[in-house]
Structure formats: C-alpha cells, structure tokens
Amino acid sequence: MVEKTCQQRYVTLVNMVFSKEEDLANHFLELFPTPAVFRCMTMEEQDAFLGYDRKRLKPVLAAIELGSLILTCPHEILGHAYSSNEVGQFLMDEMAGQTQESVEILCTDVHNEIIARHCLFKGGQAECMLYPDQIFRYALHWNSFGLIMVHNHPSGDPAPSRQDLSFMSRLEQGCQLLGLHLLDCLVIGSQDYYSWREGQESHATFNGQIAN
C-alpha cells in the first residue's frame, strides 16, 4: 500500500512538473518509471534523457539535485554545548548588561552541537512572558535532540526566581513527554550565571553526603 501510494505520488509530481509538456512527462516516465529507477540512473541514461530536449530537461535535473542536496545537507553547526560552563560563559559575553529580559533557545543534535538558535521573547526590565509550547514548537521544527533555554536578568543577579524554577520544572516535564532532552536552563547575570543542571547536581551531591 505504501509503495503504491509512493508510486502514485511520483507519477503525479512528474506530471505536475511537465504540466504543459506532456511529451516530456511521457519521456521521463518511460526512462524512469519509478523513483528507484531514477535513483540508480547511469550516465548513459542521463545522456539519453537529456538528448530528447536538453534545453528543457536540464533545469529539471538541476532542480531534483537541489532538492536532494537540501534534504541530505547536514545542519550548520553554530557552536558546541559540551558543558554548562562553556555555554554560560559564552552567553554572558553577549547578554550581560542588556536592559530587557529576553529568552533564547539553543537547539542541539545528538552530539551536543548547536544547530539552531533563536530569541523567542523580549520583555521589560522585570519580567518576560514565557510559553512552553512555543519553545517546544521551535525545537521540534529543527528536529532537535536537546535544547537549552537561556534568559537574562537585567538586574544583574542571576539567582532564579520562584517563577523561574517552576517554569524550568514544567519545561523538563514537557521535554520528557515529547522525547526531547532538556540539557540546561541558564540565567545570565552581569558577573555570573545560574545553571539549573549544575544546581540539580549540587543538590544531589549534598543529599548524598547527608545520607552517608
């Protein structure tokens, strides 16, 4: 059923490409009746295809090659997210001293390479409205493996508020449901940053010491 649907879609697309050139559509499907045959095209078959009408057919092959390149080209790497300290120090250089609170999301692949970065919100000096669904939508759009949420405190104090901690907890729960990995939530101050992940690790270590 899936193969039949794919084949039908293939034929439909070929006819759409050559909507006003039925002879070219027939020529294309005669040489390449299925997507599999097209993928295995030899140089001799390509020459035979173009030989029918090179001027009109060469742009078609170029467009197909462009589409293939877009699909297979790896994400542009914008940086690394190997540790909270590395990301925190990097973002402090950019965000410390800003007069408005803003929220950014960094999306990573499975190797913790940053593949997308976007400022989602900008607010006033005291607060910035946060909506988890917009964060998730952006992360899923980029097929992210993990994400890091970053926001700054214009006051210069990186200590998270009660609202910050509550939002971070909700974000983690949402990531778990969606199969995303919340690598960290960072709060950028003027001289330092707060790492939610480092805070969790410190809390776990402290509790372990008490238990022992």
N, C-alpha and C. Protein backbone atom coordinates (compact mmCIF):
# COMPACT_ATOMS: atom_id res chain seq x y z
N MET A 1 0.84 -1.21 0.00
CA MET A 1 0.00 0.00 0.00
C MET A 1 0.87 1.26 0.00
N VAL A 2 1.93 1.23 0.85
CA VAL A 2 2.83 2.38 0.92
C VAL A 2 3.55 2.58 -0.40
N GLU A 3 4.02 1.45 -1.00
CA GLU A 3 4.73 1.53 -2.28
C GLU A 3 3.81 2.07 -3.37
N LYS A 4 2.55 1.64 -3.36
CA LYS A 4 1.60 2.10 -4.36
C LYS A 4 1.35 3.60 -4.21
N THR A 5 1.19 4.05 -2.97
CA THR A 5 0.97 5.47 -2.72
C THR A 5 2.17 6.29 -3.17
N CYS A 6 3.37 5.80 -2.89
CA CYS A 6 4.60 6.49 -3.30
C CYS A 6 4.68 6.57 -4.82
N GLN A 7 4.36 5.48 -5.49
CA GLN A 7 4.41 5.47 -6.95
C GLN A 7 3.39 6.43 -7.54
N GLN A 8 2.20 6.45 -6.96
CA GLN A 8 1.17 7.37 -7.44
C GLN A 8 1.61 8.82 -7.26
N ARG A 9 2.22 9.10 -6.12
CA ARG A 9 2.71 10.45 -5.86
C ARG A 9 3.82 10.82 -6.83
N TYR A 10 4.68 9.87 -7.12
CA TYR A 10 5.78 10.08 -8.07
C TYR A 10 5.24 10.47 -9.44
N VAL A 11 4.29 9.70 -9.94
CA VAL A 11 3.71 9.98 -11.25
C VAL A 11 3.00 11.33 -11.26
N THR A 12 2.29 11.61 -10.17
CA THR A 12 1.58 12.90 -10.07
C THR A 12 2.55 14.07 -10.13
N LEU A 13 3.66 13.95 -9.39
CA LEU A 13 4.64 15.03 -9.36
C LEU A 13 5.31 15.23 -10.72
N VAL A 14 5.62 14.13 -11.38
CA VAL A 14 6.22 14.23 -12.72
C VAL A 14 5.27 14.97 -13.66
N ASN A 15 4.01 14.63 -13.60
CA ASN A 15 3.03 15.30 -14.46
C ASN A 15 2.83 16.76 -14.08
N MET A 16 3.00 17.09 -12.79
CA MET A 16 2.91 18.49 -12.37
C MET A 16 4.10 19.28 -12.89
N VAL A 17 5.29 18.68 -12.83
CA VAL A 17 6.50 19.36 -13.33
C VAL A 17 6.35 19.68 -14.82
N PHE A 18 5.81 18.73 -15.55
CA PHE A 18 5.64 18.90 -17.01
C PHE A 18 4.16 19.10 -17.34
N SER A 19 3.51 19.97 -16.59
CA SER A 19 2.06 20.14 -16.73
C SER A 19 1.63 20.57 -18.14
N LYS A 20 2.48 21.32 -18.82
CA LYS A 20 2.12 21.80 -20.16
C LYS A 20 3.00 21.16 -21.23
N GLU A 21 3.71 20.10 -20.84
CA GLU A 21 4.63 19.44 -21.77
C GLU A 21 4.46 17.93 -21.62
N GLU A 22 3.36 17.42 -22.11
CA GLU A 22 3.03 16.01 -21.93
C GLU A 22 4.09 15.10 -22.52
N ASP A 23 4.70 15.53 -23.62
CA ASP A 23 5.72 14.69 -24.24
C ASP A 23 6.91 14.49 -23.33
N LEU A 24 7.29 15.54 -22.57
CA LEU A 24 8.41 15.42 -21.64
C LEU A 24 8.06 14.52 -20.46
N ALA A 25 6.82 14.63 -19.99
CA ALA A 25 6.38 13.76 -18.89
C ALA A 25 6.43 12.30 -19.31
N ASN A 26 5.95 12.02 -20.51
CA ASN A 26 5.97 10.64 -21.01
C ASN A 26 7.40 10.14 -21.18
N HIS A 27 8.27 11.01 -21.68
CA HIS A 27 9.68 10.65 -21.87
C HIS A 27 10.33 10.35 -20.52
N PHE A 28 10.05 11.18 -19.53
CA PHE A 28 10.61 11.00 -18.19
C PHE A 28 10.16 9.65 -17.61
N LEU A 29 8.86 9.39 -17.65
CA LEU A 29 8.33 8.17 -17.05
C LEU A 29 8.70 6.91 -17.83
N GLU A 30 8.96 7.08 -19.12
CA GLU A 30 9.39 5.93 -19.92
C GLU A 30 10.79 5.49 -19.50
N LEU A 31 11.67 6.47 -19.25
CA LEU A 31 13.04 6.14 -18.85
C LEU A 31 13.14 5.82 -17.36
N PHE A 32 12.35 6.53 -16.56
CA PHE A 32 12.42 6.37 -15.10
C PHE A 32 11.01 6.13 -14.56
N PRO A 33 10.50 4.93 -14.71
CA PRO A 33 9.11 4.65 -14.32
C PRO A 33 8.87 4.67 -12.81
N THR A 34 9.93 4.52 -12.02
CA THR A 34 9.77 4.54 -10.56
C THR A 34 10.88 5.39 -9.94
N PRO A 35 10.70 5.84 -8.69
CA PRO A 35 11.76 6.60 -8.01
C PRO A 35 13.05 5.79 -7.89
N ALA A 36 12.92 4.48 -7.68
CA ALA A 36 14.11 3.63 -7.53
C ALA A 36 14.94 3.61 -8.81
N VAL A 37 14.27 3.55 -9.95
CA VAL A 37 14.97 3.57 -11.24
C VAL A 37 15.69 4.90 -11.43
N PHE A 38 15.03 5.99 -11.04
CA PHE A 38 15.66 7.31 -11.19
C PHE A 38 16.91 7.41 -10.31
N ARG A 39 16.82 6.91 -9.06
CA ARG A 39 17.97 6.98 -8.14
C ARG A 39 19.18 6.24 -8.70
N CYS A 40 18.93 5.18 -9.46
CA CYS A 40 20.03 4.36 -9.99
C CYS A 40 20.42 4.77 -11.41
N MET A 41 20.06 5.97 -11.80
CA MET A 41 20.34 6.45 -13.15
C MET A 41 21.84 6.43 -13.44
N THR A 42 22.20 5.87 -14.58
CA THR A 42 23.59 5.87 -15.03
C THR A 42 23.85 7.11 -15.89
N MET A 43 25.12 7.36 -16.16
CA MET A 43 25.47 8.50 -17.00
C MET A 43 24.90 8.32 -18.41
N GLU A 44 24.89 7.06 -18.88
CA GLU A 44 24.33 6.80 -20.21
C GLU A 44 22.84 7.11 -20.25
N GLU A 45 22.13 6.74 -19.16
CA GLU A 45 20.70 7.02 -19.09
C GLU A 45 20.44 8.52 -18.97
N GLN A 46 21.31 9.21 -18.26
CA GLN A 46 21.16 10.66 -18.14
C GLN A 46 21.34 11.32 -19.50
N ASP A 47 22.35 10.87 -20.24
CA ASP A 47 22.58 11.43 -21.57
C ASP A 47 21.39 11.15 -22.50
N ALA A 48 20.83 9.95 -22.37
CA ALA A 48 19.67 9.61 -23.20
C ALA A 48 18.46 10.47 -22.83
N PHE A 49 18.32 10.74 -21.55
CA PHE A 49 17.21 11.57 -21.08
C PHE A 49 17.35 12.99 -21.60
N LEU A 50 18.56 13.56 -21.44
CA LEU A 50 18.79 14.93 -21.87
C LEU A 50 18.80 15.07 -23.39
N GLY A 51 19.16 13.99 -24.06
CA GLY A 51 19.24 14.05 -25.52
C GLY A 51 17.90 14.32 -26.18
N TYR A 52 16.83 14.06 -25.49
CA TYR A 52 15.48 14.30 -26.05
C TYR A 52 15.23 15.79 -26.22
N ASP A 53 15.63 16.57 -25.22
CA ASP A 53 15.48 18.04 -25.29
C ASP A 53 16.29 18.64 -24.15
N ARG A 54 17.58 18.80 -24.38
CA ARG A 54 18.49 19.23 -23.31
C ARG A 54 18.08 20.58 -22.71
N LYS A 55 17.67 21.51 -23.54
CA LYS A 55 17.35 22.85 -23.05
C LYS A 55 16.22 22.82 -22.04
N ARG A 56 15.21 21.99 -22.28
CA ARG A 56 14.06 21.96 -21.37
C ARG A 56 14.25 20.98 -20.22
N LEU A 57 15.08 19.96 -20.39
CA LEU A 57 15.20 18.91 -19.38
C LEU A 57 16.33 19.14 -18.38
N LYS A 58 17.37 19.86 -18.78
CA LYS A 58 18.49 20.06 -17.86
C LYS A 58 18.07 20.80 -16.59
N PRO A 59 17.23 21.86 -16.67
CA PRO A 59 16.79 22.52 -15.44
C PRO A 59 16.02 21.59 -14.50
N VAL A 60 15.35 20.58 -15.05
CA VAL A 60 14.61 19.63 -14.22
C VAL A 60 15.58 18.80 -13.38
N LEU A 61 16.63 18.30 -14.00
CA LEU A 61 17.64 17.54 -13.26
C LEU A 61 18.32 18.40 -12.22
N ALA A 62 18.57 19.67 -12.57
CA ALA A 62 19.20 20.58 -11.60
C ALA A 62 18.29 20.80 -10.39
N ALA A 63 16.99 20.93 -10.63
CA ALA A 63 16.04 21.13 -9.53
C ALA A 63 15.97 19.90 -8.64
N ILE A 64 16.00 18.71 -9.23
CA ILE A 64 15.98 17.47 -8.45
C ILE A 64 17.25 17.36 -7.61
N GLU A 65 18.38 17.70 -8.21
CA GLU A 65 19.65 17.65 -7.47
C GLU A 65 19.65 18.65 -6.32
N LEU A 66 19.07 19.84 -6.55
CA LEU A 66 18.97 20.84 -5.50
C LEU A 66 18.12 20.32 -4.34
N GLY A 67 16.98 19.69 -4.66
CA GLY A 67 16.13 19.13 -3.62
C GLY A 67 16.84 18.06 -2.82
N SER A 68 17.59 17.22 -3.50
CA SER A 68 18.35 16.16 -2.82
C SER A 68 19.41 16.76 -1.91
N LEU A 69 20.07 17.81 -2.38
CA LEU A 69 21.09 18.47 -1.58
C LEU A 69 20.49 19.08 -0.31
N ILE A 70 19.33 19.71 -0.45
CA ILE A 70 18.67 20.32 0.70
C ILE A 70 18.32 19.26 1.75
N LEU A 71 17.87 18.10 1.29
CA LEU A 71 17.46 17.04 2.21
C LEU A 71 18.64 16.38 2.91
N THR A 72 19.76 16.25 2.21
CA THR A 72 20.89 15.49 2.75
C THR A 72 21.97 16.36 3.38
N CYS A 73 21.93 17.66 3.13
CA CYS A 73 22.97 18.54 3.67
C CYS A 73 22.86 18.59 5.19
N PRO A 74 23.96 18.40 5.92
CA PRO A 74 23.89 18.44 7.39
C PRO A 74 23.57 19.84 7.90
N HIS A 75 23.07 19.88 9.15
CA HIS A 75 22.78 21.17 9.77
C HIS A 75 24.06 22.00 9.89
N GLU A 76 23.90 23.30 9.76
CA GLU A 76 25.01 24.20 10.04
C GLU A 76 25.28 24.18 11.54
N ILE A 77 26.54 24.03 11.91
CA ILE A 77 26.90 23.98 13.32
C ILE A 77 27.20 25.39 13.81
N LEU A 78 26.42 25.86 14.78
CA LEU A 78 26.56 27.23 15.28
C LEU A 78 27.46 27.30 16.51
N GLY A 79 27.84 26.17 17.05
CA GLY A 79 28.67 26.15 18.25
C GLY A 79 28.54 24.81 18.94
N HIS A 80 29.11 24.72 20.13
CA HIS A 80 29.08 23.48 20.89
C HIS A 80 28.39 23.72 22.23
N ALA A 81 27.78 22.67 22.75
CA ALA A 81 27.15 22.75 24.07
C ALA A 81 27.64 21.56 24.90
N TYR A 82 28.97 21.48 25.03
CA TYR A 82 29.56 20.34 25.72
C TYR A 82 29.45 20.46 27.24
N SER A 83 29.29 21.67 27.74
CA SER A 83 29.15 21.86 29.19
C SER A 83 28.38 23.14 29.47
N SER A 84 27.75 23.18 30.65
CA SER A 84 27.01 24.38 31.05
C SER A 84 27.95 25.56 31.19
N ASN A 85 29.15 25.31 31.69
CA ASN A 85 30.11 26.40 31.88
C ASN A 85 30.50 27.02 30.54
N GLU A 86 30.73 26.17 29.55
CA GLU A 86 31.12 26.67 28.23
C GLU A 86 30.03 27.56 27.63
N VAL A 87 28.78 27.08 27.70
CA VAL A 87 27.67 27.85 27.14
C VAL A 87 27.41 29.10 27.97
N GLY A 88 27.46 28.95 29.31
CA GLY A 88 27.21 30.08 30.20
C GLY A 88 28.19 31.21 29.99
N GLN A 89 29.48 30.89 29.91
CA GLN A 89 30.50 31.91 29.72
C GLN A 89 30.35 32.59 28.36
N PHE A 90 30.03 31.80 27.36
CA PHE A 90 29.86 32.34 26.01
C PHE A 90 28.69 33.33 25.95
N LEU A 91 27.57 32.95 26.59
CA LEU A 91 26.38 33.81 26.53
C LEU A 91 26.49 35.01 27.44
N MET A 92 27.28 34.92 28.49
CA MET A 92 27.49 36.09 29.35
C MET A 92 28.11 37.23 28.56
N ASP A 93 29.02 36.87 27.66
CA ASP A 93 29.67 37.90 26.84
C ASP A 93 28.65 38.62 25.97
N GLU A 94 27.57 37.94 25.60
CA GLU A 94 26.57 38.54 24.72
C GLU A 94 25.42 39.21 25.46
N MET A 95 24.97 38.59 26.56
CA MET A 95 23.71 39.01 27.17
C MET A 95 23.87 39.84 28.43
N ALA A 96 25.03 39.78 29.08
CA ALA A 96 25.22 40.56 30.30
C ALA A 96 25.12 42.05 29.97
N GLY A 97 24.38 42.78 30.77
CA GLY A 97 24.24 44.21 30.56
C GLY A 97 23.05 44.62 29.73
N GLN A 98 22.31 43.65 29.19
CA GLN A 98 21.11 44.00 28.44
C GLN A 98 20.06 44.59 29.38
N THR A 99 19.33 45.57 28.90
CA THR A 99 18.35 46.26 29.75
C THR A 99 16.97 45.62 29.70
N GLN A 100 16.74 44.72 28.75
CA GLN A 100 15.48 44.00 28.67
C GLN A 100 15.71 42.52 28.92
N GLU A 101 14.75 41.90 29.59
CA GLU A 101 14.85 40.46 29.78
C GLU A 101 14.45 39.77 28.48
N SER A 102 15.25 38.81 28.07
CA SER A 102 14.96 38.08 26.85
C SER A 102 15.16 36.59 27.08
N VAL A 103 14.53 35.80 26.25
CA VAL A 103 14.63 34.35 26.34
C VAL A 103 15.11 33.81 25.00
N GLU A 104 16.15 32.99 25.06
CA GLU A 104 16.67 32.35 23.86
C GLU A 104 16.61 30.85 24.03
N ILE A 105 16.51 30.17 22.91
CA ILE A 105 16.57 28.71 22.92
C ILE A 105 17.69 28.27 22.00
N LEU A 106 18.49 27.34 22.47
CA LEU A 106 19.55 26.73 21.67
C LEU A 106 19.14 25.29 21.42
N CYS A 107 19.12 24.88 20.18
CA CYS A 107 18.75 23.51 19.83
C CYS A 107 20.02 22.73 19.46
N THR A 108 20.11 21.50 19.94
CA THR A 108 21.31 20.71 19.69
C THR A 108 20.96 19.38 19.02
N ASP A 109 21.98 18.81 18.37
CA ASP A 109 21.81 17.47 17.83
C ASP A 109 22.28 16.45 18.86
N VAL A 110 22.37 15.20 18.46
CA VAL A 110 22.72 14.13 19.40
C VAL A 110 24.16 14.27 19.90
N HIS A 111 24.99 15.03 19.19
CA HIS A 111 26.38 15.23 19.59
C HIS A 111 26.58 16.53 20.39
N ASN A 112 25.48 17.15 20.79
CA ASN A 112 25.52 18.42 21.53
C ASN A 112 26.12 19.56 20.71
N GLU A 113 25.99 19.46 19.40
CA GLU A 113 26.36 20.57 18.53
C GLU A 113 25.12 21.47 18.40
N ILE A 114 25.32 22.77 18.47
CA ILE A 114 24.20 23.71 18.38
C ILE A 114 23.82 23.89 16.91
N ILE A 115 22.60 23.48 16.57
CA ILE A 115 22.16 23.53 15.18
C ILE A 115 21.18 24.67 14.92
N ALA A 116 20.65 25.28 15.97
CA ALA A 116 19.72 26.40 15.79
C ALA A 116 19.72 27.24 17.06
N ARG A 117 19.52 28.53 16.86
CA ARG A 117 19.46 29.45 17.99
C ARG A 117 18.47 30.56 17.65
N HIS A 118 17.61 30.88 18.61
CA HIS A 118 16.58 31.87 18.29
C HIS A 118 16.15 32.59 19.55
N CYS A 119 15.96 33.91 19.43
CA CYS A 119 15.40 34.70 20.53
C CYS A 119 13.88 34.61 20.42
N LEU A 120 13.27 33.98 21.41
CA LEU A 120 11.83 33.74 21.35
C LEU A 120 11.01 34.87 21.96
N PHE A 121 11.55 35.49 23.00
CA PHE A 121 10.77 36.51 23.70
C PHE A 121 11.66 37.67 24.12
N LYS A 122 11.07 38.84 24.18
CA LYS A 122 11.71 40.01 24.80
C LYS A 122 10.68 40.68 25.67
N GLY A 123 11.08 41.05 26.89
CA GLY A 123 10.14 41.67 27.82
C GLY A 123 10.67 42.96 28.36
N GLY A 124 10.11 43.39 29.48
CA GLY A 124 10.57 44.62 30.12
C GLY A 124 11.74 44.35 31.04
N GLN A 125 11.93 45.24 31.97
CA GLN A 125 13.06 45.10 32.89
C GLN A 125 12.77 44.09 33.99
N ALA A 126 11.50 43.80 34.23
CA ALA A 126 11.16 42.96 35.37
C ALA A 126 10.74 41.54 34.99
N GLU A 127 10.10 41.37 33.85
CA GLU A 127 9.60 40.05 33.53
C GLU A 127 9.50 39.85 32.02
N CYS A 128 9.44 38.60 31.68
CA CYS A 128 9.28 38.24 30.27
C CYS A 128 8.30 37.08 30.21
N MET A 129 7.28 37.21 29.39
CA MET A 129 6.27 36.16 29.30
C MET A 129 6.86 34.91 28.64
N LEU A 130 6.64 33.76 29.26
CA LEU A 130 7.18 32.51 28.77
C LEU A 130 6.05 31.56 28.42
N TYR A 131 6.16 30.92 27.26
CA TYR A 131 5.15 29.97 26.83
C TYR A 131 5.86 28.70 26.36
N PRO A 132 5.78 27.63 27.12
CA PRO A 132 6.49 26.40 26.77
C PRO A 132 6.16 25.87 25.38
N ASP A 133 4.90 26.01 24.94
CA ASP A 133 4.52 25.44 23.65
C ASP A 133 5.31 26.05 22.51
N GLN A 134 5.64 27.34 22.61
CA GLN A 134 6.42 27.98 21.55
C GLN A 134 7.86 27.46 21.55
N ILE A 135 8.38 27.19 22.72
CA ILE A 135 9.73 26.62 22.83
C ILE A 135 9.76 25.23 22.21
N PHE A 136 8.77 24.41 22.57
CA PHE A 136 8.71 23.05 22.04
C PHE A 136 8.51 23.06 20.52
N ARG A 137 7.67 23.96 20.05
CA ARG A 137 7.40 24.03 18.61
C ARG A 137 8.68 24.33 17.83
N TYR A 138 9.46 25.26 18.35
CA TYR A 138 10.71 25.62 17.67
C TYR A 138 11.70 24.45 17.70
N ALA A 139 11.82 23.80 18.86
CA ALA A 139 12.75 22.68 18.98
C ALA A 139 12.36 21.53 18.06
N LEU A 140 11.09 21.22 17.99
CA LEU A 140 10.63 20.13 17.13
C LEU A 140 10.77 20.50 15.65
N HIS A 141 10.60 21.77 15.34
CA HIS A 141 10.76 22.22 13.95
C HIS A 141 12.17 21.91 13.45
N TRP A 142 13.15 22.00 14.33
CA TRP A 142 14.54 21.75 13.96
C TRP A 142 14.96 20.30 14.21
N ASN A 143 14.00 19.44 14.52
CA ASN A 143 14.31 18.03 14.80
C ASN A 143 15.42 17.91 15.85
N SER A 144 15.29 18.68 16.89
CA SER A 144 16.33 18.76 17.91
C SER A 144 16.38 17.49 18.76
N PHE A 145 17.58 17.16 19.19
CA PHE A 145 17.76 16.10 20.19
C PHE A 145 17.64 16.70 21.58
N GLY A 146 18.26 17.87 21.75
CA GLY A 146 18.24 18.54 23.05
C GLY A 146 18.04 20.03 22.90
N LEU A 147 17.76 20.68 24.01
CA LEU A 147 17.61 22.13 23.98
C LEU A 147 18.13 22.75 25.27
N ILE A 148 18.54 23.98 25.15
CA ILE A 148 18.98 24.78 26.29
C ILE A 148 18.18 26.07 26.26
N MET A 149 17.52 26.37 27.36
CA MET A 149 16.80 27.64 27.46
C MET A 149 17.67 28.63 28.22
N VAL A 150 17.76 29.82 27.71
CA VAL A 150 18.59 30.85 28.32
C VAL A 150 17.79 32.13 28.46
N HIS A 151 17.84 32.75 29.63
CA HIS A 151 17.30 34.10 29.75
C HIS A 151 18.17 34.90 30.70
N ASN A 152 18.09 36.19 30.56
CA ASN A 152 18.94 37.08 31.35
C ASN A 152 18.12 37.81 32.40
N HIS A 153 18.79 38.28 33.43
CA HIS A 153 18.18 39.14 34.44
C HIS A 153 18.81 40.52 34.33
N PRO A 154 18.08 41.51 33.84
CA PRO A 154 18.64 42.86 33.70
C PRO A 154 19.14 43.43 35.03
N SER A 155 18.64 42.92 36.15
CA SER A 155 19.11 43.40 37.45
C SER A 155 20.56 43.04 37.70
N GLY A 156 21.06 42.05 36.96
CA GLY A 156 22.43 41.61 37.14
C GLY A 156 22.57 40.42 38.06
N ASP A 157 21.53 40.10 38.82
CA ASP A 157 21.55 38.98 39.76
C ASP A 157 21.06 37.72 39.04
N PRO A 158 21.91 36.70 38.90
CA PRO A 158 21.50 35.51 38.15
C PRO A 158 20.65 34.52 38.96
N ALA A 159 20.43 34.80 40.24
CA ALA A 159 19.65 33.87 41.06
C ALA A 159 18.25 33.70 40.48
N PRO A 160 17.80 32.47 40.26
CA PRO A 160 16.48 32.25 39.66
C PRO A 160 15.36 32.59 40.65
N SER A 161 14.30 33.15 40.13
CA SER A 161 13.13 33.43 40.95
C SER A 161 12.32 32.15 41.14
N ARG A 162 11.33 32.21 42.01
CA ARG A 162 10.46 31.05 42.19
C ARG A 162 9.74 30.72 40.88
N GLN A 163 9.36 31.76 40.14
CA GLN A 163 8.70 31.54 38.85
C GLN A 163 9.65 30.88 37.85
N ASP A 164 10.93 31.30 37.89
CA ASP A 164 11.92 30.70 37.00
C ASP A 164 12.02 29.20 37.26
N LEU A 165 12.15 28.82 38.53
CA LEU A 165 12.33 27.41 38.88
C LEU A 165 11.09 26.59 38.53
N SER A 166 9.93 27.18 38.73
CA SER A 166 8.69 26.49 38.38
C SER A 166 8.61 26.25 36.87
N PHE A 167 9.00 27.28 36.11
CA PHE A 167 8.96 27.15 34.65
C PHE A 167 9.96 26.10 34.17
N MET A 168 11.15 26.08 34.77
CA MET A 168 12.16 25.09 34.38
C MET A 168 11.66 23.68 34.63
N SER A 169 10.97 23.48 35.75
CA SER A 169 10.41 22.17 36.07
C SER A 169 9.34 21.77 35.05
N ARG A 170 8.48 22.70 34.68
CA ARG A 170 7.45 22.43 33.68
C ARG A 170 8.08 22.13 32.32
N LEU A 171 9.15 22.83 32.02
CA LEU A 171 9.83 22.62 30.75
C LEU A 171 10.43 21.22 30.70
N GLU A 172 11.00 20.78 31.80
CA GLU A 172 11.58 19.44 31.85
C GLU A 172 10.50 18.38 31.66
N GLN A 173 9.37 18.56 32.31
CA GLN A 173 8.27 17.60 32.18
C GLN A 173 7.77 17.53 30.74
N GLY A 174 7.65 18.69 30.11
CA GLY A 174 7.21 18.72 28.72
C GLY A 174 8.20 18.05 27.79
N CYS A 175 9.49 18.27 28.02
CA CYS A 175 10.53 17.64 27.20
C CYS A 175 10.46 16.12 27.31
N GLN A 176 10.24 15.63 28.51
CA GLN A 176 10.15 14.18 28.71
C GLN A 176 8.98 13.59 27.93
N LEU A 177 7.87 14.30 27.89
CA LEU A 177 6.70 13.82 27.16
C LEU A 177 6.93 13.81 25.65
N LEU A 178 7.73 14.77 25.17
CA LEU A 178 7.94 14.93 23.73
C LEU A 178 9.19 14.22 23.22
N GLY A 179 9.94 13.59 24.13
CA GLY A 179 11.15 12.91 23.71
C GLY A 179 12.33 13.84 23.47
N LEU A 180 12.27 15.03 24.03
CA LEU A 180 13.38 15.99 23.94
C LEU A 180 14.23 15.90 25.20
N HIS A 181 15.45 16.35 25.10
CA HIS A 181 16.35 16.35 26.25
C HIS A 181 16.62 17.80 26.67
N LEU A 182 16.17 18.15 27.85
CA LEU A 182 16.45 19.49 28.38
C LEU A 182 17.85 19.47 28.97
N LEU A 183 18.81 19.97 28.22
CA LEU A 183 20.20 19.93 28.65
C LEU A 183 20.46 20.88 29.81
N ASP A 184 19.85 22.07 29.75
CA ASP A 184 20.05 23.02 30.84
C ASP A 184 19.12 24.22 30.65
N CYS A 185 18.95 24.94 31.74
CA CYS A 185 18.30 26.25 31.73
C CYS A 185 19.27 27.21 32.40
N LEU A 186 19.64 28.26 31.70
CA LEU A 186 20.64 29.19 32.21
C LEU A 186 20.01 30.56 32.46
N VAL A 187 20.43 31.18 33.55
CA VAL A 187 20.05 32.56 33.84
C VAL A 187 21.32 33.38 33.82
N ILE A 188 21.37 34.38 32.97
CA ILE A 188 22.57 35.18 32.79
C ILE A 188 22.48 36.46 33.62
N GLY A 189 23.48 36.69 34.46
CA GLY A 189 23.58 37.93 35.22
C GLY A 189 24.70 38.79 34.68
N SER A 190 25.05 39.82 35.41
CA SER A 190 26.09 40.74 34.93
C SER A 190 27.49 40.18 35.13
N GLN A 191 27.69 39.39 36.20
CA GLN A 191 29.02 38.88 36.50
C GLN A 191 29.07 37.35 36.56
N ASP A 192 27.94 36.72 36.57
CA ASP A 192 27.89 35.27 36.72
C ASP A 192 26.61 34.73 36.07
N TYR A 193 26.48 33.43 36.06
CA TYR A 193 25.28 32.81 35.52
C TYR A 193 24.80 31.72 36.47
N TYR A 194 23.54 31.38 36.36
CA TYR A 194 22.98 30.26 37.12
C TYR A 194 22.68 29.13 36.15
N SER A 195 23.10 27.91 36.51
CA SER A 195 22.82 26.72 35.72
C SER A 195 21.86 25.83 36.50
N TRP A 196 20.70 25.60 35.93
CA TRP A 196 19.72 24.71 36.56
C TRP A 196 20.27 23.31 36.69
N ARG A 197 20.98 22.84 35.67
CA ARG A 197 21.54 21.49 35.69
C ARG A 197 22.63 21.36 36.75
N GLU A 198 23.51 22.35 36.83
CA GLU A 198 24.55 22.31 37.86
C GLU A 198 23.94 22.38 39.25
N GLY A 199 22.85 23.14 39.38
CA GLY A 199 22.16 23.23 40.66
C GLY A 199 21.58 21.89 41.07
N GLN A 200 21.03 21.15 40.12
CA GLN A 200 20.50 19.82 40.41
C GLN A 200 21.60 18.87 40.85
N GLU A 201 22.74 18.93 40.16
CA GLU A 201 23.85 18.04 40.50
C GLU A 201 24.40 18.35 41.89
N SER A 202 24.49 19.64 42.21
CA SER A 202 24.99 20.04 43.53
C SER A 202 24.03 19.57 44.62
N HIS A 203 22.73 19.68 44.36
CA HIS A 203 21.72 19.26 45.32
C HIS A 203 21.80 17.76 45.55
N ALA A 204 22.00 17.00 44.45
CA ALA A 204 22.10 15.54 44.57
C ALA A 204 23.34 15.14 45.35
N THR A 205 24.46 15.85 45.11
CA THR A 205 25.69 15.56 45.84
C THR A 205 25.53 15.85 47.32
N PHE A 206 24.89 16.98 47.63
CA PHE A 206 24.67 17.37 49.03
C PHE A 206 23.80 16.34 49.74
N ASN A 207 22.74 15.89 49.08
CA ASN A 207 21.86 14.89 49.68
C ASN A 207 22.59 13.56 49.89
N GLY A 208 23.48 13.23 48.96
CA GLY A 208 24.25 12.00 49.10
C GLY A 208 25.20 12.05 50.28
N GLN A 209 25.79 13.23 50.50
CA GLN A 209 26.70 13.39 51.64
C GLN A 209 25.95 13.27 52.95
N ILE A 210 24.72 13.82 53.00
CA ILE A 210 23.92 13.72 54.22
C ILE A 210 23.55 12.26 54.49
N ALA A 211 23.20 11.52 53.42
CA ALA A 211 22.80 10.13 53.58
C ALA A 211 23.95 9.27 54.10
N ASN A 212 25.17 9.64 53.70
CA ASN A 212 26.34 8.88 54.15
C ASN A 212 26.74 9.27 55.57
